[in-house]
Amino acid sequence: MQRSHQALAAAIVLFLSAGAHAAAMPIDQVPYASLGGTKVVTFGDVAGSALPGTNYDGIVFSGGASFAERFSGQDNTPAGAFDVLSGRPTDPLALTAGPANQNLSVIDYSSSQGNVLAGLGPVPGTIGTGAVSMLFPGNTAQFGFQLIASNGGMATLDFFMRDGSLIESIVLNPLAGDFYGFRRDAGQQDIAGISIFNNDPDGIAFDNVRYDAQAVPEPGTLALLGLGLAGLATRRRGTAS
């Protein structure tokens, strides 16, 4: 009996420690090169130009994903030249563009780099100081990007589920021009969108956004799937009887 109690206690400890680990680290930072995501957004399919870039006052669609300043339901309370996002997005997750000339810009950065995406700040002429939010066509378990033109500032990444609930908020400090990768701790494919805002003195831009999203079924498809499962259950009950 004592051994049974010890085994039960050990199992409880393992369960609690696993739960604590999942709660503490729902998203791991990993090497960009380790990501298996097959979708890479290079922004080569949208118009860009030399600085200050091509202005976009609406949602930008590129590489299957969509981009804007923030998600519906979020608040933007700028601090000087920088956007600062807060609040829970509404359900379902949807993008909202910033004010005119304060949303996004696509910049033809160099002949080798090509187009990059930058958020436009609340002060006229501030490029790369605005927030950038991205919505995936389906949920993903991993995400990565190439950071362009940073100078030791800080960035906050908020990872959201499709219903707007926060998975985790990660702070990158200090920033450096580099590749960043992230993966769900247990491989859950539930990252629907990400918001990023920063306070880097030079501003930041993004390229080579990598993800691996599953398709989100249309409502009609879900209804047909439900009918199919119901029919299967009925046939099984008939066979059992």
Protein backbone atom coordinates (compact mmCIF):
# COMPACT_ATOMS: atom_id res chain seq x y z
CA MET A 1 0.00 0.00 0.00
CA GLN A 2 2.85 2.34 0.86
CA ARG A 3 4.44 1.72 -2.55
CA SER A 4 1.10 2.52 -4.20
CA HIS A 5 0.91 5.82 -2.32
CA GLN A 6 4.49 6.62 -3.31
CA ALA A 7 3.77 5.83 -6.95
CA LEU A 8 0.65 8.00 -6.86
CA ALA A 9 2.57 10.86 -5.27
CA ALA A 10 5.29 10.57 -7.89
CA ALA A 11 2.71 10.62 -10.68
CA ILE A 12 1.09 13.73 -9.20
CA VAL A 13 4.46 15.47 -8.97
CA LEU A 14 5.22 14.63 -12.61
CA PHE A 15 1.79 15.85 -13.70
CA LEU A 16 2.12 19.11 -11.80
CA SER A 17 5.64 19.74 -13.03
CA ALA A 18 4.58 19.07 -16.62
CA GLY A 19 1.65 21.44 -16.20
CA ALA A 20 3.86 24.10 -14.68
CA HIS A 21 6.33 23.76 -17.56
CA ALA A 22 3.57 24.10 -20.12
CA ALA A 23 2.19 27.16 -18.33
CA ALA A 24 5.60 28.76 -17.95
CA MET A 25 6.87 28.06 -21.47
CA PRO A 26 3.95 27.63 -23.88
CA ILE A 27 6.18 28.98 -26.67
CA ASP A 28 9.89 28.26 -27.04
CA GLN A 29 12.37 30.45 -28.88
CA VAL A 30 14.24 28.23 -31.34
CA PRO A 31 16.70 28.70 -34.21
CA TYR A 32 14.98 29.97 -37.35
CA ALA A 33 16.77 27.29 -39.37
CA SER A 34 15.08 24.57 -37.28
CA LEU A 35 11.58 25.61 -38.33
CA GLY A 36 9.78 23.23 -40.64
CA GLY A 37 7.19 25.72 -41.82
CA THR A 38 6.72 25.48 -45.57
CA LYS A 39 5.16 28.91 -46.10
CA VAL A 40 7.56 31.87 -46.33
CA VAL A 41 6.33 35.43 -46.86
CA THR A 42 8.92 37.52 -48.73
CA PHE A 43 6.54 40.37 -49.70
CA GLY A 44 7.68 39.98 -53.28
CA ASP A 45 4.05 39.65 -54.37
CA VAL A 46 3.09 43.20 -53.26
CA ALA A 47 4.27 46.57 -54.54
CA GLY A 48 7.20 48.17 -52.73
CA SER A 49 9.53 51.09 -53.35
CA ALA A 50 12.63 52.77 -51.96
CA LEU A 51 12.37 54.60 -48.64
CA PRO A 52 9.93 55.72 -47.35
CA GLY A 53 8.37 52.77 -49.18
CA THR A 54 4.91 52.16 -50.60
CA ASN A 55 2.24 53.24 -48.13
CA TYR A 56 -0.63 50.86 -47.33
CA ASP A 57 -3.59 52.29 -45.42
CA GLY A 58 -5.44 48.96 -45.46
CA ILE A 59 -4.72 45.30 -44.82
CA VAL A 60 -1.76 43.88 -46.73
CA PHE A 61 -2.20 40.37 -48.16
CA SER A 62 1.01 38.51 -48.94
CA GLY A 63 2.13 34.90 -49.03
CA GLY A 64 -1.24 33.62 -47.80
CA ALA A 65 -1.08 35.69 -44.60
CA SER A 66 -2.50 39.15 -43.91
CA PHE A 67 -0.97 42.13 -42.11
CA ALA A 68 -2.12 45.38 -40.49
CA GLU A 69 -1.38 47.53 -37.44
CA ARG A 70 -3.41 45.63 -34.84
CA PHE A 71 -6.26 43.23 -34.19
CA SER A 72 -9.83 44.35 -33.66
CA GLY A 73 -10.36 44.93 -29.94
CA GLN A 74 -6.76 45.91 -29.23
CA ASP A 75 -5.90 49.43 -28.08
CA ASN A 76 -3.01 51.45 -29.46
CA THR A 77 -1.72 54.03 -26.98
CA PRO A 78 1.46 55.45 -28.55
CA ALA A 79 4.47 56.45 -26.48
CA GLY A 80 6.25 59.18 -28.41
CA ALA A 81 7.09 57.86 -31.87
CA PHE A 82 6.21 54.25 -31.00
CA ASP A 83 2.97 52.27 -31.08
CA VAL A 84 2.09 50.38 -27.89
CA LEU A 85 -0.61 47.70 -28.12
CA SER A 86 -2.72 46.34 -25.28
CA GLY A 87 -6.03 44.60 -24.65
CA ARG A 88 -7.56 41.35 -25.81
CA PRO A 89 -8.60 41.03 -29.46
CA THR A 90 -12.20 40.22 -30.24
CA ASP A 91 -13.43 36.76 -31.23
CA PRO A 92 -12.81 35.77 -33.97
CA LEU A 93 -9.37 37.25 -34.54
CA ALA A 94 -9.51 39.95 -37.24
CA LEU A 95 -7.16 42.70 -38.38
CA THR A 96 -7.71 46.45 -38.13
CA ALA A 97 -5.62 48.98 -40.03
CA GLY A 98 -4.16 52.04 -38.35
CA PRO A 99 -5.01 55.63 -39.32
CA ALA A 100 -4.05 56.91 -42.75
CA ASN A 101 -0.26 57.06 -43.20
CA GLN A 102 0.17 55.28 -39.85
CA ASN A 103 -0.43 51.67 -40.86
CA LEU A 104 2.18 49.79 -42.95
CA SER A 105 4.84 50.40 -45.56
CA VAL A 106 6.50 47.96 -47.98
CA ILE A 107 10.09 49.02 -48.65
CA ASP A 108 12.37 47.85 -51.45
CA TYR A 109 15.25 47.53 -49.01
CA SER A 110 18.08 46.49 -51.33
CA SER A 111 18.76 44.60 -54.54
CA SER A 112 19.67 41.50 -52.55
CA GLN A 113 16.98 41.74 -49.84
CA GLY A 114 14.03 42.91 -51.91
CA ASN A 115 10.81 44.00 -50.21
CA VAL A 116 10.43 44.21 -46.42
CA LEU A 117 7.44 45.19 -44.28
CA ALA A 118 7.53 47.98 -41.67
CA GLY A 119 4.97 49.51 -39.35
CA LEU A 120 4.45 53.27 -39.58
CA GLY A 121 4.54 55.11 -36.26
CA PRO A 122 2.15 57.74 -34.88
CA VAL A 123 4.53 60.62 -35.69
CA PRO A 124 4.74 61.62 -39.38
CA GLY A 125 7.81 60.19 -41.07
CA THR A 126 8.51 57.50 -38.47
CA ILE A 127 9.13 54.22 -40.27
CA GLY A 128 9.52 50.93 -38.40
CA THR A 129 8.23 52.31 -35.10
CA GLY A 130 4.64 51.25 -35.70
CA ALA A 131 3.03 47.99 -34.64
CA VAL A 132 2.69 45.09 -37.07
CA SER A 133 0.10 42.35 -36.60
CA MET A 134 -0.20 39.28 -38.77
CA LEU A 135 -3.07 36.85 -39.20
CA PHE A 136 -2.47 33.36 -40.59
CA PRO A 137 -4.98 31.61 -42.88
CA GLY A 138 -4.97 28.64 -40.49
CA ASN A 139 -3.43 27.82 -37.15
CA THR A 140 0.29 27.15 -36.89
CA ALA A 141 2.59 25.64 -34.26
CA GLN A 142 5.64 27.61 -35.39
CA PHE A 143 6.60 31.06 -36.57
CA GLY A 144 9.75 32.90 -37.58
CA PHE A 145 11.01 36.02 -39.30
CA GLN A 146 14.08 37.93 -40.40
CA LEU A 147 14.53 41.18 -38.49
CA ILE A 148 15.75 44.12 -40.56
CA ALA A 149 17.53 47.35 -39.50
CA SER A 150 17.30 47.07 -35.70
CA ASN A 151 19.61 48.85 -33.27
CA GLY A 152 19.48 47.33 -29.81
CA GLY A 153 15.93 48.24 -28.86
CA MET A 154 13.19 45.96 -27.55
CA ALA A 155 10.20 44.26 -29.16
CA THR A 156 7.13 42.62 -27.63
CA LEU A 157 5.49 39.69 -29.42
CA ASP A 158 1.96 38.68 -28.40
CA PHE A 159 0.80 35.27 -29.66
CA PHE A 160 -2.98 34.79 -29.97
CA MET A 161 -5.41 31.94 -30.55
CA ARG A 162 -8.23 32.21 -33.08
CA ASP A 163 -10.67 33.34 -30.35
CA GLY A 164 -8.38 36.21 -29.32
CA SER A 165 -7.04 34.60 -26.14
CA LEU A 166 -3.37 35.23 -25.40
CA ILE A 167 -1.03 32.24 -25.57
CA GLU A 168 2.07 34.09 -24.44
CA SER A 169 3.78 37.46 -24.58
CA ILE A 170 7.52 37.34 -25.35
CA VAL A 171 9.96 40.26 -25.06
CA LEU A 172 13.07 40.33 -27.25
CA ASN A 173 15.73 42.52 -25.67
CA PRO A 174 18.09 43.66 -27.07
CA LEU A 175 17.18 43.43 -30.74
CA ALA A 176 19.74 42.78 -33.42
CA GLY A 177 19.42 42.23 -37.16
CA ASP A 178 18.90 38.49 -37.08
CA PHE A 179 16.57 35.58 -37.70
CA TYR A 180 14.14 34.59 -34.93
CA GLY A 181 12.16 31.37 -34.56
CA PHE A 182 9.39 30.26 -32.19
CA ARG A 183 7.60 26.96 -31.66
CA ARG A 184 4.76 25.79 -29.41
CA ASP A 185 6.19 23.90 -26.45
CA ALA A 186 4.07 20.78 -27.02
CA GLY A 187 3.54 21.24 -30.75
CA GLN A 188 -0.02 22.55 -30.44
CA GLN A 189 -1.17 24.01 -33.74
CA ASP A 190 -3.16 26.90 -32.29
CA ILE A 191 -1.26 30.11 -33.08
CA ALA A 192 -3.64 32.14 -35.25
CA GLY A 193 -2.01 35.56 -35.16
CA ILE A 194 0.79 37.64 -33.69
CA SER A 195 1.17 41.32 -32.76
CA ILE A 196 4.61 42.95 -32.60
CA PHE A 197 5.49 46.41 -31.30
CA ASN A 198 8.89 47.87 -30.48
CA ASN A 199 10.90 50.79 -29.14
CA ASP A 200 14.01 50.39 -31.29
CA PRO A 201 15.66 53.77 -31.97
CA ASP A 202 16.15 52.93 -35.66
CA GLY A 203 12.82 51.15 -36.09
CA ILE A 204 12.48 47.61 -37.43
CA ALA A 205 11.18 45.81 -40.49
CA PHE A 206 10.35 42.20 -41.31
CA ASP A 207 11.09 39.73 -44.07
CA ASN A 208 10.98 35.97 -44.65
CA VAL A 209 8.04 35.41 -42.31
CA ARG A 210 7.78 31.63 -41.93
CA TYR A 211 4.76 29.64 -40.77
CA ASP A 212 3.01 26.35 -41.44
CA ALA A 213 -0.72 26.86 -41.24
CA GLN A 214 -3.45 24.30 -41.51
CA ALA A 215 -6.52 25.25 -43.50
CA VAL A 216 -9.51 26.58 -41.55
CA PRO A 217 -12.67 24.75 -42.73
CA GLU A 218 -15.44 26.92 -44.15
CA PRO A 219 -18.72 26.89 -42.14
CA GLY A 220 -20.36 24.74 -44.82
CA THR A 221 -17.52 22.26 -44.65
CA LEU A 222 -17.86 22.06 -40.88
CA ALA A 223 -21.59 21.40 -41.22
CA LEU A 224 -20.98 18.61 -43.74
CA LEU A 225 -18.32 17.15 -41.47
CA GLY A 226 -20.78 17.16 -38.58
CA LEU A 227 -23.42 15.41 -40.67
CA GLY A 228 -20.88 12.83 -41.79
CA LEU A 229 -19.83 12.07 -38.22
CA ALA A 230 -23.45 11.86 -37.12
CA GLY A 231 -24.20 9.40 -39.92
CA LEU A 232 -21.17 7.31 -39.01
CA ALA A 233 -22.29 7.18 -35.38
CA THR A 234 -25.80 6.10 -36.44
CA ARG A 235 -24.44 3.29 -38.61
CA ARG A 236 -22.23 2.07 -35.77
CA ARG A 237 -25.16 2.02 -33.35
CA GLY A 238 -27.21 0.07 -35.90
CA THR A 239 -24.41 -2.45 -36.36
CA ALA A 240 -23.99 -2.85 -32.61
CA SER A 241 -27.69 -3.51 -32.09
